[in-house]
C-alpha atoms as a PDB file:
ATOM      1  CA  MET A   1    -175.804  -9.065 -62.138  1.00  0.00           C
ATOM      2  CA  GLU A   2    -176.694  -5.755 -63.744  1.00  0.00           C
ATOM      3  CA  PRO A   3    -174.023  -3.020 -63.467  1.00  0.00           C
ATOM      4  CA  ILE A   4    -174.440  -0.770 -60.432  1.00  0.00           C
ATOM      5  CA  GLU A   5    -173.911   2.976 -60.680  1.00  0.00           C
ATOM      6  CA  ILE A   6    -172.184   4.628 -57.719  1.00  0.00           C
ATOM      7  CA  ASN A   7    -171.801   8.247 -56.628  1.00  0.00           C
ATOM      8  CA  ALA A   8    -168.278   8.892 -55.337  1.00  0.00           C
ATOM      9  CA  GLY A   9    -168.625  12.499 -54.232  1.00  0.00           C
ATOM     10  CA  SER A  10    -167.251  14.625 -57.066  1.00  0.00           C
ATOM     11  CA  TRP A  11    -167.125  11.613 -59.376  1.00  0.00           C
ATOM     12  CA  TYR A  12    -169.730   9.358 -60.926  1.00  0.00           C
ATOM     13  CA  LEU A  13    -169.063   5.638 -61.442  1.00  0.00           C
ATOM     14  CA  ARG A  14    -170.916   3.696 -64.121  1.00  0.00           C
ATOM     15  CA  ALA A  15    -170.487   0.718 -66.415  1.00  0.00           C
ATOM     16  CA  LEU A  16    -168.204   1.116 -69.402  1.00  0.00           C
ATOM     17  CA  ARG A  17    -170.041   2.133 -72.558  1.00  0.00           C
ATOM     18  CA  ALA A  18    -169.527   2.205 -76.305  1.00  0.00           C
ATOM     19  CA  ASP A  19    -172.829   3.179 -77.869  1.00  0.00           C
ATOM     20  CA  ASP A  20    -174.426   6.045 -79.774  1.00  0.00           C
ATOM     21  CA  ARG A  21    -174.681   8.205 -76.622  1.00  0.00           C
ATOM     22  CA  ILE A  22    -171.397   7.559 -74.772  1.00  0.00           C
ATOM     23  CA  ASP A  23    -168.203   6.021 -76.104  1.00  0.00           C
ATOM     24  CA  ASP A  24    -165.463   5.248 -73.571  1.00  0.00           C
ATOM     25  CA  ARG A  25    -163.104   3.774 -76.169  1.00  0.00           C
ATOM     26  CA  PRO A  26    -161.108   7.014 -76.690  1.00  0.00           C
ATOM     27  CA  ALA A  27    -160.558   7.317 -72.925  1.00  0.00           C
ATOM     28  CA  LEU A  28    -159.604   3.649 -72.737  1.00  0.00           C
ATOM     29  CA  ALA A  29    -157.117   4.166 -75.563  1.00  0.00           C
ATOM     30  CA  ALA A  30    -155.636   7.117 -73.653  1.00  0.00           C
ATOM     31  CA  GLY A  31    -155.132   4.627 -70.811  1.00  0.00           C
ATOM     32  CA  GLY A  32    -153.416   2.141 -73.125  1.00  0.00           C
ATOM     33  CA  ILE A  33    -156.414  -0.167 -73.664  1.00  0.00           C
ATOM     34  CA  THR A  34    -157.060  -0.574 -77.388  1.00  0.00           C
ATOM     35  CA  ASP A  35    -158.798  -3.965 -77.548  1.00  0.00           C
ATOM     36  CA  PRO A  36    -161.984  -3.354 -79.615  1.00  0.00           C
ATOM     37  CA  GLY A  37    -163.869  -5.977 -77.584  1.00  0.00           C
ATOM     38  CA  TYR A  38    -162.908  -4.600 -74.178  1.00  0.00           C
ATOM     39  CA  VAL A  39    -166.212  -2.856 -73.355  1.00  0.00           C
ATOM     40  CA  ALA A  40    -168.268  -5.881 -74.426  1.00  0.00           C
ATOM     41  CA  ARG A  41    -166.037  -8.188 -72.372  1.00  0.00           C
ATOM     42  CA  ARG A  42    -166.489  -6.018 -69.285  1.00  0.00           C
ATOM     43  CA  ALA A  43    -170.287  -6.133 -69.761  1.00  0.00           C
ATOM     44  CA  ALA A  44    -170.191  -9.938 -70.045  1.00  0.00           C
ATOM     45  CA  GLU A  45    -168.137 -10.139 -66.853  1.00  0.00           C
ATOM     46  CA  TRP A  46    -170.879  -8.244 -64.988  1.00  0.00           C
ATOM     47  CA  ASP A  47    -173.426 -10.711 -66.389  1.00  0.00           C
ATOM     48  CA  ASN A  48    -171.507 -13.776 -65.201  1.00  0.00           C
ATOM     49  CA  GLU A  49    -170.217 -12.061 -62.013  1.00  0.00           C
ATOM     50  CA  THR A  50    -166.536 -12.743 -62.686  1.00  0.00           C
ATOM     51  CA  HIS A  51    -165.398  -9.090 -62.685  1.00  0.00           C
ATOM     52  CA  TYR A  52    -167.130  -5.833 -61.835  1.00  0.00           C
ATOM     53  CA  SER A  53    -165.831  -2.674 -63.491  1.00  0.00           C
ATOM     54  CA  TRP A  54    -166.635   1.010 -63.344  1.00  0.00           C
ATOM     55  CA  ALA A  55    -165.759   3.974 -65.490  1.00  0.00           C
ATOM     56  CA  VAL A  56    -164.934   6.863 -63.152  1.00  0.00           C
ATOM     57  CA  CYS A  57    -166.490   9.887 -64.823  1.00  0.00           C
ATOM     58  CA  GLU A  58    -166.728  13.628 -64.567  1.00  0.00           C
ATOM     59  CA  PRO A  59    -170.426  14.012 -63.664  1.00  0.00           C
ATOM     60  CA  THR A  60    -171.296  16.950 -65.926  1.00  0.00           C
ATOM     61  CA  THR A  61    -169.780  15.561 -69.135  1.00  0.00           C
ATOM     62  CA  ALA A  62    -169.725  11.784 -68.422  1.00  0.00           C
ATOM     63  CA  GLU A  63    -166.104  11.779 -69.635  1.00  0.00           C
ATOM     64  CA  MET A  64    -164.265   8.690 -68.386  1.00  0.00           C
ATOM     65  CA  VAL A  65    -161.080   9.565 -66.493  1.00  0.00           C
ATOM     66  CA  ALA A  66    -160.298   6.275 -64.723  1.00  0.00           C
ATOM     67  CA  GLU A  67    -161.394   2.656 -64.436  1.00  0.00           C
ATOM     68  CA  ILE A  68    -161.834   0.535 -61.331  1.00  0.00           C
ATOM     69  CA  GLY A  69    -162.330  -3.214 -61.189  1.00  0.00           C
ATOM     70  CA  VAL A  70    -163.193  -5.830 -58.586  1.00  0.00           C
ATOM     71  CA  THR A  71    -162.380  -9.462 -59.330  1.00  0.00           C
ATOM     72  CA  PRO A  72    -163.990 -11.869 -56.841  1.00  0.00           C
ATOM     73  CA  ALA A  73    -162.380 -15.167 -55.871  1.00  0.00           C
ATOM     74  CA  PRO A  74    -164.224 -18.344 -54.797  1.00  0.00           C
ATOM     75  CA  ASP A  75    -163.083 -17.888 -51.180  1.00  0.00           C
ATOM     76  CA  GLY A  76    -164.971 -14.583 -50.737  1.00  0.00           C
ATOM     77  CA  THR A  77    -161.964 -12.335 -51.239  1.00  0.00           C
ATOM     78  CA  ALA A  78    -161.508  -9.958 -54.148  1.00  0.00           C
ATOM     79  CA  ALA A  79    -158.808  -7.988 -55.900  1.00  0.00           C
ATOM     80  CA  LEU A  80    -159.400  -4.252 -56.284  1.00  0.00           C
ATOM     81  CA  THR A  81    -157.584  -2.631 -59.203  1.00  0.00           C
ATOM     82  CA  GLY A  82    -157.652   0.626 -61.084  1.00  0.00           C
ATOM     83  CA  TRP A  83    -155.892   3.033 -63.379  1.00  0.00           C
ATOM     84  CA  ALA A  84    -156.321   6.706 -64.196  1.00  0.00           C
ATOM     85  CA  ARG A  85    -155.542   8.927 -67.113  1.00  0.00           C
ATOM     86  CA  GLU A  86    -152.683  11.290 -66.392  1.00  0.00           C
ATOM     87  CA  GLY A  87    -153.755  14.035 -63.994  1.00  0.00           C
ATOM     88  CA  PHE A  88    -156.827  12.199 -62.718  1.00  0.00           C
ATOM     89  CA  GLU A  89    -155.276  10.264 -59.827  1.00  0.00           C
ATOM     90  CA  PRO A  90    -157.594  12.019 -57.279  1.00  0.00           C
ATOM     91  CA  ALA A  91    -160.607  10.630 -59.174  1.00  0.00           C
ATOM     92  CA  LEU A  92    -159.102   7.151 -58.995  1.00  0.00           C
ATOM     93  CA  ASP A  93    -158.428   7.494 -55.265  1.00  0.00           C
ATOM     94  CA  ALA A  94    -161.991   8.641 -54.549  1.00  0.00           C
ATOM     95  CA  GLY A  95    -163.404   5.854 -56.699  1.00  0.00           C
ATOM     96  CA  LEU A  96    -161.260   3.158 -55.098  1.00  0.00           C
ATOM     97  CA  THR A  97    -162.463   4.147 -51.626  1.00  0.00           C
ATOM     98  CA  THR A  98    -166.097   4.086 -52.722  1.00  0.00           C
ATOM     99  CA  VAL A  99    -165.836   0.806 -54.639  1.00  0.00           C
ATOM    100  CA  ARG A 100    -164.065  -0.844 -51.693  1.00  0.00           C
ATOM    101  CA  ARG A 101    -167.002   0.080 -49.434  1.00  0.00           C
ATOM    102  CA  PHE A 102    -169.472  -1.173 -52.043  1.00  0.00           C
ATOM    103  CA  ALA A 103    -167.637  -4.475 -52.589  1.00  0.00           C
ATOM    104  CA  GLU A 104    -167.376  -5.152 -48.875  1.00  0.00           C
ATOM    105  CA  GLY A 105    -170.832  -3.921 -47.859  1.00  0.00           C
ATOM    106  CA  ALA A 106    -173.089  -4.773 -50.788  1.00  0.00           C
ATOM    107  CA  LEU A 107    -171.248  -7.744 -52.295  1.00  0.00           C
ATOM    108  CA  GLY A 108    -169.888  -9.204 -49.061  1.00  0.00           C
ATOM    109  CA  LEU A 109    -166.352  -9.489 -50.443  1.00  0.00           C
ATOM    110  CA  ARG A 110    -163.116  -9.077 -48.488  1.00  0.00           C
ATOM    111  CA  ILE A 111    -160.710  -6.924 -50.434  1.00  0.00           C
ATOM    112  CA  GLY A 112    -157.240  -8.469 -50.281  1.00  0.00           C
END
């Protein structure tokens, strides 16, 4: 599956990126994630539908402030997880609500 972009009101959710236009690695490092292969792994998980992840971003700058993930299980349930950089908990909360609706409505998953 190709990554799906989502509008969460004041926040914009998109796939993680590390390219010549947008690099989420500094924001990930601020969140404690320093694995150099992390962004590529998240992209591969979209491709094989084992985990869906979103960078929660400030819409005018595309700066990543949080990450949300959905991990589906074979029984149709899924785990919803997320973390936010310090001070950006409202962005995480808004994103979690929006991703829950997306996972249940568009993907047919039951969030457990």
